[in-house]
Amino acid sequence: MSPAGTLTAAPGRVHVVLPGGVDDPAAPSGGNVYDRQVCRGLAAAGWTVHETALPGSWPQPDDAARTRLARTLAALPDASVVLLDGLVACGAPEAVVPQSGRLRSAVVVHLPLADETGLAPATAARLDERERRTLRAADAVVATSPWTARWLTARHGIDPSRVHVAPPGTDPAPLAPGTDGASRLLCVASLTPRKGHDLLLQALAGLTDLHWECEFAGAPGPGPHRRAHLRDAVARFGLTGRVRLLGPRTGADLHRTYAAADLGVLASRAETYGMVVTETLARGTPVLATAVGGVPDALGHAPDGSLPGILVPPDDPGALAAALRRWLADAALRERLRASARLRRAELAGWRTTVESLAGLLARLGRQPGRTV
């Protein structure tokens, strides 16, 4: 596995294929933020960026969406450099693979398709096979963390030299004042089963003897009843008034929400990176998260080697509850973690680093001969 490197050639031309809704403020996601930051950054660096956003229920598109993707790729000139969001590309290998020898393609994997929580086993197996076909045919695969790169090479048998790591950047942010330094908990995550809100509610239900409040900021996931289901769970656990479902937050609203937080909490069952971890650290706020996927990469260490947060096993509400109790009861622990988070804050890479990495990769793709798939 190799880093994508820095730009070593003049800016060129790239065609970027994205899922429809990439700019929908009602459905913010880490993958959408990554795609948008990369497109803007490449354009600012002098690249000619041609974007195509394709509507469809990716990564399980209907025939019309697959046809639109196939026609989009077939219309591109030979040797075009193409950057594809994995949600689209891995959902339709029948559209992508036939063009692989003709185009110079890189696929960004935001989340392995079979890792989405709640999939039927047959659906997960089918998505996994489709992802494998696409990634093996691509000239390059972009992973958003070292963990993801290792996972993809092992899972799909990809040549490690074709897997490149380009982690998300982090926008600078002012230090968060918090609330009282302890009690305001914040979970920024889409309301999907993979994000583990149910696990967090179970953990919080055992802490009603302590003073705290928790906000869930995130867009509802697929299905019309997800928000109502969580609202019912809040009531069932006796947490009404202590847990608030804010809905999606972007822009100034999101900044204000982060600013009031004393601790960021992420209870995910699967993550390739966990952008909200670094977004929280950018404000000098510690993080409690599950040690799953690329989350430990995102959390990292402060320059003095200290951990700017707490990692617990996934799918373990008891471990979450114990860690939260320690945070709420131990002022010395909170001070240590806050000091470490502020040190880590200064080490976070910006989006320019991500864009330079991808620009270097795309420049190399533009110079290389075609592959025979």
Protein backbone atom coordinates (compact mmCIF):
# COMPACT_ATOMS: atom_id res chain seq x y z
CA MET A 1 0.00 0.00 0.00
CA SER A 2 1.40 3.35 -0.94
CA PRO A 3 0.58 6.93 -0.04
CA ALA A 4 -1.00 8.75 -2.93
CA GLY A 5 1.90 11.20 -2.91
CA THR A 6 2.07 14.88 -3.77
CA LEU A 7 1.56 16.62 -7.05
CA THR A 8 4.63 16.25 -9.24
CA ALA A 9 3.22 17.39 -12.58
CA ALA A 10 1.19 20.24 -14.00
CA PRO A 11 -2.55 20.09 -13.24
CA GLY A 12 -4.56 18.13 -15.78
CA ARG A 13 -8.16 17.15 -16.45
CA VAL A 14 -10.22 14.76 -14.35
CA HIS A 15 -13.77 13.47 -14.67
CA VAL A 16 -15.40 12.90 -11.28
CA VAL A 17 -18.43 10.62 -10.94
CA LEU A 18 -20.48 11.20 -7.80
CA PRO A 19 -23.75 9.96 -6.33
CA GLY A 20 -26.71 12.29 -6.75
CA GLY A 21 -27.42 14.36 -3.65
CA VAL A 22 -23.77 15.06 -2.89
CA ASP A 23 -24.72 18.65 -2.02
CA ASP A 24 -28.02 17.89 -0.27
CA PRO A 25 -27.95 19.79 3.08
CA ALA A 26 -30.64 17.48 4.42
CA ALA A 27 -28.39 14.44 4.06
CA PRO A 28 -24.82 15.40 5.00
CA SER A 29 -22.30 12.56 5.15
CA GLY A 30 -18.57 12.13 5.48
CA GLY A 31 -18.36 10.71 1.96
CA ASN A 32 -20.18 13.69 0.49
CA VAL A 33 -17.94 16.14 2.36
CA TYR A 34 -14.85 14.28 1.13
CA ASP A 35 -16.03 14.31 -2.49
CA ARG A 36 -16.93 17.98 -2.40
CA GLN A 37 -13.68 19.06 -0.73
CA VAL A 38 -11.64 17.09 -3.27
CA CYS A 39 -13.47 18.56 -6.26
CA ARG A 40 -13.11 22.10 -4.95
CA GLY A 41 -9.48 21.58 -4.00
CA LEU A 42 -8.50 20.13 -7.37
CA ALA A 43 -10.20 23.01 -9.18
CA ALA A 44 -8.45 25.54 -6.94
CA ALA A 45 -5.13 23.86 -7.72
CA GLY A 46 -5.68 24.41 -11.43
CA TRP A 47 -7.21 21.10 -12.47
CA THR A 48 -10.07 21.04 -14.94
CA VAL A 49 -12.75 19.13 -13.04
CA HIS A 50 -15.78 17.73 -14.87
CA GLU A 51 -18.36 16.53 -12.34
CA THR A 52 -21.20 14.15 -13.05
CA ALA A 53 -23.64 13.46 -10.21
CA LEU A 54 -25.83 10.44 -10.95
CA PRO A 55 -29.18 10.01 -9.21
CA GLY A 56 -29.98 6.52 -8.03
CA SER A 57 -30.31 4.32 -4.97
CA TRP A 58 -26.58 3.66 -4.81
CA PRO A 59 -25.04 1.17 -4.15
CA GLN A 60 -28.09 -0.83 -5.19
CA PRO A 61 -29.18 1.04 -8.32
CA ASP A 62 -32.03 0.22 -10.65
CA ASP A 63 -31.52 -0.49 -14.34
CA ALA A 64 -31.98 3.16 -15.29
CA ALA A 65 -29.21 4.31 -12.95
CA ARG A 66 -26.84 1.60 -14.18
CA THR A 67 -27.56 2.63 -17.75
CA ARG A 68 -26.83 6.30 -16.96
CA LEU A 69 -23.48 5.33 -15.45
CA ALA A 70 -22.57 3.10 -18.40
CA ARG A 71 -23.41 5.85 -20.88
CA THR A 72 -21.49 8.45 -18.88
CA LEU A 73 -18.31 6.36 -18.91
CA ALA A 74 -18.69 5.23 -22.52
CA ALA A 75 -18.93 8.86 -23.65
CA LEU A 76 -15.54 9.81 -22.17
CA PRO A 77 -12.54 10.00 -24.52
CA ASP A 78 -9.93 7.26 -24.45
CA ALA A 79 -7.33 7.60 -21.67
CA SER A 80 -9.52 10.00 -19.66
CA VAL A 81 -8.63 10.16 -15.98
CA VAL A 82 -11.72 9.32 -13.93
CA LEU A 83 -12.24 9.55 -10.17
CA LEU A 84 -15.29 7.57 -9.06
CA ASP A 85 -17.06 7.52 -5.74
CA GLY A 86 -17.12 3.88 -4.62
CA LEU A 87 -20.79 4.05 -3.69
CA VAL A 88 -21.52 4.43 -7.41
CA ALA A 89 -18.69 2.47 -9.02
CA CYS A 90 -18.82 -0.58 -6.76
CA GLY A 91 -22.58 -0.81 -7.10
CA ALA A 92 -22.43 -1.27 -10.88
CA PRO A 93 -19.37 -3.22 -12.03
CA GLU A 94 -21.16 -4.12 -15.27
CA ALA A 95 -20.93 -0.42 -16.20
CA VAL A 96 -17.41 0.20 -14.89
CA VAL A 97 -15.37 -2.90 -15.72
CA PRO A 98 -15.84 -2.84 -19.53
CA GLN A 99 -14.31 0.67 -19.62
CA SER A 100 -11.37 -0.09 -17.35
CA GLY A 101 -8.79 -0.84 -20.04
CA ARG A 102 -9.76 2.30 -21.95
CA LEU A 103 -10.03 4.82 -19.11
CA ARG A 104 -7.62 5.61 -16.25
CA SER A 105 -9.80 5.06 -13.22
CA ALA A 106 -9.43 5.54 -9.48
CA VAL A 107 -12.20 4.48 -7.09
CA VAL A 108 -12.58 6.10 -3.65
CA VAL A 109 -13.89 3.66 -1.04
CA HIS A 110 -15.69 5.54 1.72
CA LEU A 111 -17.16 2.37 3.20
CA PRO A 112 -16.90 -1.26 2.04
CA LEU A 113 -20.38 -2.00 0.80
CA ALA A 114 -20.91 -5.19 2.79
CA ASP A 115 -20.02 -3.37 6.03
CA GLU A 116 -23.33 -1.52 6.19
CA THR A 117 -25.17 -2.75 9.28
CA GLY A 118 -28.46 -4.60 8.88
CA LEU A 119 -27.95 -6.07 5.40
CA ALA A 120 -29.36 -9.51 4.71
CA PRO A 121 -26.49 -12.01 4.35
CA ALA A 122 -27.32 -12.63 0.67
CA THR A 123 -27.36 -8.89 -0.05
CA ALA A 124 -24.06 -8.35 1.75
CA ALA A 125 -22.44 -11.20 -0.19
CA ARG A 126 -23.73 -9.82 -3.50
CA LEU A 127 -22.47 -6.30 -2.74
CA ASP A 128 -19.12 -7.68 -1.64
CA GLU A 129 -18.71 -9.58 -4.93
CA ARG A 130 -19.68 -6.53 -6.99
CA GLU A 131 -17.24 -4.35 -5.08
CA ARG A 132 -14.46 -6.90 -5.67
CA ARG A 133 -15.07 -6.89 -9.43
CA THR A 134 -14.93 -3.11 -9.61
CA LEU A 135 -11.86 -2.64 -7.43
CA ARG A 136 -9.85 -5.35 -9.14
CA ALA A 137 -10.52 -3.69 -12.50
CA ALA A 138 -9.64 -0.15 -11.38
CA ASP A 139 -6.20 1.31 -12.03
CA ALA A 140 -6.11 2.61 -8.47
CA VAL A 141 -8.12 2.26 -5.29
CA VAL A 142 -8.21 5.15 -2.81
CA ALA A 143 -8.66 4.25 0.85
CA THR A 144 -9.41 6.85 3.48
CA SER A 145 -7.31 5.26 6.23
CA PRO A 146 -4.41 2.81 6.58
CA TRP A 147 -6.81 0.32 8.16
CA THR A 148 -9.12 0.48 5.15
CA ALA A 149 -6.22 -0.03 2.76
CA ARG A 150 -5.13 -3.16 4.61
CA TRP A 151 -8.70 -4.43 4.76
CA LEU A 152 -9.33 -3.94 1.04
CA THR A 153 -6.11 -5.65 -0.07
CA ALA A 154 -6.81 -8.64 2.16
CA ARG A 155 -10.54 -8.86 1.44
CA HIS A 156 -10.45 -8.45 -2.31
CA GLY A 157 -6.98 -9.68 -3.24
CA ILE A 158 -5.90 -6.34 -4.72
CA ASP A 159 -2.25 -5.66 -5.48
CA PRO A 160 -1.15 -3.44 -2.55
CA SER A 161 0.75 -1.17 -4.95
CA ARG A 162 -2.60 -0.10 -6.46
CA VAL A 163 -4.14 0.87 -3.10
CA HIS A 164 -3.42 4.45 -2.04
CA VAL A 165 -4.17 6.12 1.29
CA ALA A 166 -5.62 9.63 1.21
CA PRO A 167 -7.24 10.37 4.59
CA PRO A 168 -9.82 13.12 4.92
CA GLY A 169 -8.56 16.54 5.90
CA THR A 170 -9.89 18.66 8.72
CA ASP A 171 -10.97 22.28 8.56
CA PRO A 172 -9.41 24.51 11.23
CA ALA A 173 -11.86 25.49 13.98
CA PRO A 174 -11.75 27.61 17.12
CA LEU A 175 -11.39 25.91 20.49
CA ALA A 176 -14.77 24.82 21.82
CA PRO A 177 -15.73 26.43 25.13
CA GLY A 178 -18.00 23.49 25.93
CA THR A 179 -20.69 23.77 28.54
CA ASP A 180 -19.47 22.89 32.03
CA GLY A 181 -16.46 20.85 30.91
CA ALA A 182 -18.13 17.50 31.48
CA SER A 183 -21.84 17.04 30.96
CA ARG A 184 -22.64 18.00 27.35
CA LEU A 185 -22.19 14.88 25.20
CA LEU A 186 -22.44 15.06 21.41
CA CYS A 187 -22.88 12.30 18.84
CA VAL A 188 -22.59 13.58 15.26
CA ALA A 189 -23.58 10.71 12.98
CA SER A 190 -26.27 9.81 10.47
CA LEU A 191 -29.16 7.99 12.10
CA THR A 192 -28.32 4.56 10.71
CA PRO A 193 -27.86 1.28 12.59
CA ARG A 194 -24.14 1.26 11.73
CA LYS A 195 -23.57 4.34 13.88
CA GLY A 196 -24.65 2.53 17.04
CA HIS A 197 -27.10 5.04 18.50
CA ASP A 198 -28.96 2.12 20.08
CA LEU A 199 -25.77 1.05 21.87
CA LEU A 200 -25.20 4.57 23.13
CA LEU A 201 -28.77 4.78 24.44
CA GLN A 202 -28.28 1.50 26.31
CA ALA A 203 -25.12 2.88 27.87
CA LEU A 204 -26.72 6.19 28.83
CA ALA A 205 -29.68 4.38 30.43
CA GLY A 206 -27.32 3.14 33.11
CA LEU A 207 -26.06 6.62 33.96
CA THR A 208 -29.22 8.40 35.04
CA ASP A 209 -27.74 8.94 38.50
CA LEU A 210 -25.21 11.36 36.97
CA HIS A 211 -25.63 14.82 35.48
CA TRP A 212 -25.35 14.84 31.68
CA GLU A 213 -27.24 15.58 28.48
CA CYS A 214 -26.59 14.19 25.02
CA GLU A 215 -27.37 15.54 21.55
CA PHE A 216 -27.68 13.39 18.43
CA ALA A 217 -26.92 15.45 15.32
CA GLY A 218 -27.44 13.63 12.05
CA ALA A 219 -29.71 13.00 9.11
CA PRO A 220 -32.10 10.02 9.18
CA GLY A 221 -30.81 7.03 7.28
CA PRO A 222 -32.68 4.94 4.71
CA GLY A 223 -36.24 4.12 5.65
CA PRO A 224 -39.05 6.47 6.63
CA HIS A 225 -39.24 5.57 10.30
CA ARG A 226 -35.66 5.73 11.57
CA ARG A 227 -36.05 9.01 13.47
CA ALA A 228 -39.33 7.87 15.01
CA HIS A 229 -37.74 4.57 15.99
CA LEU A 230 -34.94 6.38 17.82
CA ARG A 231 -37.39 8.76 19.48
CA ASP A 232 -39.31 5.73 20.76
CA ALA A 233 -36.08 4.19 22.02
CA VAL A 234 -35.21 7.37 23.90
CA ALA A 235 -38.57 7.21 25.66
CA ARG A 236 -38.28 3.47 26.31
CA PHE A 237 -34.93 3.95 28.05
CA GLY A 238 -36.36 6.78 30.15
CA LEU A 239 -34.10 9.39 28.58
CA THR A 240 -36.68 11.89 27.31
CA GLY A 241 -35.40 15.39 28.04
CA ARG A 242 -31.81 14.18 28.39
CA VAL A 243 -31.25 12.94 24.83
CA ARG A 244 -32.22 15.31 22.01
CA LEU A 245 -32.48 14.42 18.32
CA LEU A 246 -31.37 17.57 16.52
CA GLY A 247 -31.64 16.35 12.93
CA PRO A 248 -28.95 17.20 10.35
CA ARG A 249 -26.61 20.06 11.18
CA THR A 250 -24.40 21.90 8.70
CA GLY A 251 -22.57 25.21 8.49
CA ALA A 252 -22.99 27.63 11.39
CA ASP A 253 -25.51 25.37 13.13
CA LEU A 254 -22.99 22.53 13.22
CA HIS A 255 -20.23 24.83 14.45
CA ARG A 256 -22.44 26.00 17.34
CA THR A 257 -23.31 22.42 18.20
CA TYR A 258 -19.65 21.40 18.32
CA ALA A 259 -18.76 24.51 20.34
CA ALA A 260 -21.14 23.54 23.14
CA ALA A 261 -19.86 19.95 23.44
CA ASP A 262 -17.64 18.74 26.26
CA LEU A 263 -17.13 15.23 24.83
CA GLY A 264 -17.68 13.77 21.38
CA VAL A 265 -19.12 10.24 21.34
CA LEU A 266 -19.14 7.80 18.42
CA ALA A 267 -20.52 4.29 19.03
CA SER A 268 -20.16 2.98 15.46
CA ARG A 269 -20.19 -0.68 14.56
CA ALA A 270 -18.08 0.00 11.44
CA GLU A 271 -16.07 3.00 10.19
CA THR A 272 -13.38 3.37 7.56
CA TYR A 273 -12.11 6.56 9.21
CA GLY A 274 -14.58 8.60 11.26
CA MET A 275 -14.35 12.22 10.13
CA VAL A 276 -16.35 13.43 13.11
CA VAL A 277 -13.47 12.28 15.33
CA THR A 278 -11.04 14.74 13.76
CA GLU A 279 -13.75 17.42 13.46
CA THR A 280 -14.22 17.14 17.22
CA LEU A 281 -10.47 17.15 17.93
CA ALA A 282 -10.10 20.24 15.74
CA ARG A 283 -11.98 22.06 18.49
CA GLY A 284 -9.79 20.66 21.27
CA THR A 285 -12.62 18.41 22.47
CA PRO A 286 -11.83 14.82 23.52
CA VAL A 287 -13.57 11.85 21.92
CA LEU A 288 -15.00 8.60 23.24
CA ALA A 289 -15.33 6.14 20.36
CA THR A 290 -15.42 2.47 19.50
CA ALA A 291 -12.06 1.05 18.39
CA VAL A 292 -13.40 -0.10 15.06
CA GLY A 293 -11.96 0.18 11.54
CA GLY A 294 -10.08 3.41 10.92
CA VAL A 295 -11.26 5.21 14.06
CA PRO A 296 -7.96 4.64 15.93
CA ASP A 297 -6.16 6.14 12.90
CA ALA A 298 -8.39 9.21 13.09
CA LEU A 299 -8.03 9.60 16.85
CA GLY A 300 -4.27 9.21 16.69
CA HIS A 301 -1.97 10.39 19.47
CA ALA A 302 -0.83 13.77 20.67
CA PRO A 303 2.87 14.65 20.07
CA ASP A 304 3.66 13.55 23.64
CA GLY A 305 2.21 10.09 22.93
CA SER A 306 -0.97 10.58 24.94
CA LEU A 307 -4.39 9.54 23.65
CA PRO A 308 -6.81 12.44 23.07
CA GLY A 309 -9.79 10.34 23.99
CA ILE A 310 -11.02 6.91 25.04
CA LEU A 311 -11.42 3.85 22.82
CA VAL A 312 -13.76 1.02 23.76
CA PRO A 313 -14.68 -2.26 22.05
CA PRO A 314 -17.52 -2.12 19.48
CA ASP A 315 -20.97 -3.53 20.19
CA ASP A 316 -20.39 -3.27 23.95
CA PRO A 317 -22.79 -0.88 25.70
CA GLY A 318 -21.33 -1.90 29.06
CA ALA A 319 -17.88 -0.69 28.03
CA LEU A 320 -19.42 2.53 26.71
CA ALA A 321 -21.25 3.09 29.99
CA ALA A 322 -18.13 2.45 32.06
CA ALA A 323 -16.07 4.88 29.97
CA LEU A 324 -18.77 7.56 30.18
CA ARG A 325 -19.01 7.11 33.94
CA ARG A 326 -15.24 7.58 34.24
CA TRP A 327 -15.43 10.74 32.13
CA LEU A 328 -18.29 12.22 34.14
CA ALA A 329 -16.86 11.31 37.56
CA ASP A 330 -13.13 11.94 37.15
CA ALA A 331 -12.16 15.60 36.77
CA ALA A 332 -8.45 14.75 36.53
CA LEU A 333 -9.14 12.36 33.63
CA ARG A 334 -11.13 15.05 31.83
CA GLU A 335 -8.28 17.53 32.18
CA ARG A 336 -5.72 15.03 30.85
CA LEU A 337 -7.85 14.16 27.86
CA ARG A 338 -8.64 17.79 27.12
CA ALA A 339 -4.93 18.70 27.23
CA SER A 340 -4.11 15.81 24.89
CA ALA A 341 -6.94 16.76 22.49
CA ARG A 342 -5.58 20.30 22.26
CA LEU A 343 -2.12 18.98 21.45
CA ARG A 344 -3.53 16.61 18.84
CA ARG A 345 -5.52 19.50 17.36
CA ALA A 346 -2.31 21.18 16.22
CA GLU A 347 -1.22 18.03 14.37
CA LEU A 348 -4.31 17.52 12.21
CA ALA A 349 -3.76 17.69 8.45
CA GLY A 350 -5.95 19.98 6.35
CA TRP A 351 -7.80 19.22 3.15
CA ARG A 352 -4.91 20.59 1.12
CA THR A 353 -2.92 17.50 2.09
CA THR A 354 -5.73 15.24 0.89
CA VAL A 355 -6.05 17.11 -2.40
CA GLU A 356 -2.30 17.09 -3.04
CA SER A 357 -2.24 13.35 -2.44
CA LEU A 358 -5.03 12.69 -4.89
CA ALA A 359 -3.62 15.15 -7.43
CA GLY A 360 -0.34 13.25 -7.43
CA LEU A 361 -2.15 9.98 -7.97
CA LEU A 362 -4.31 11.37 -10.77
CA ALA A 363 -1.29 12.90 -12.49
CA ARG A 364 0.43 9.51 -12.49
CA LEU A 365 -2.67 7.82 -13.87
CA GLY A 366 -2.74 10.31 -16.69
CA ARG A 367 0.81 9.38 -17.68
CA GLN A 368 0.53 5.61 -17.48
CA PRO A 369 -0.43 3.26 -20.34
CA GLY A 370 -3.70 1.44 -20.19
CA ARG A 371 -4.19 -1.85 -18.36
CA THR A 372 -5.56 -5.06 -19.80
CA VAL A 373 -8.32 -6.25 -17.50
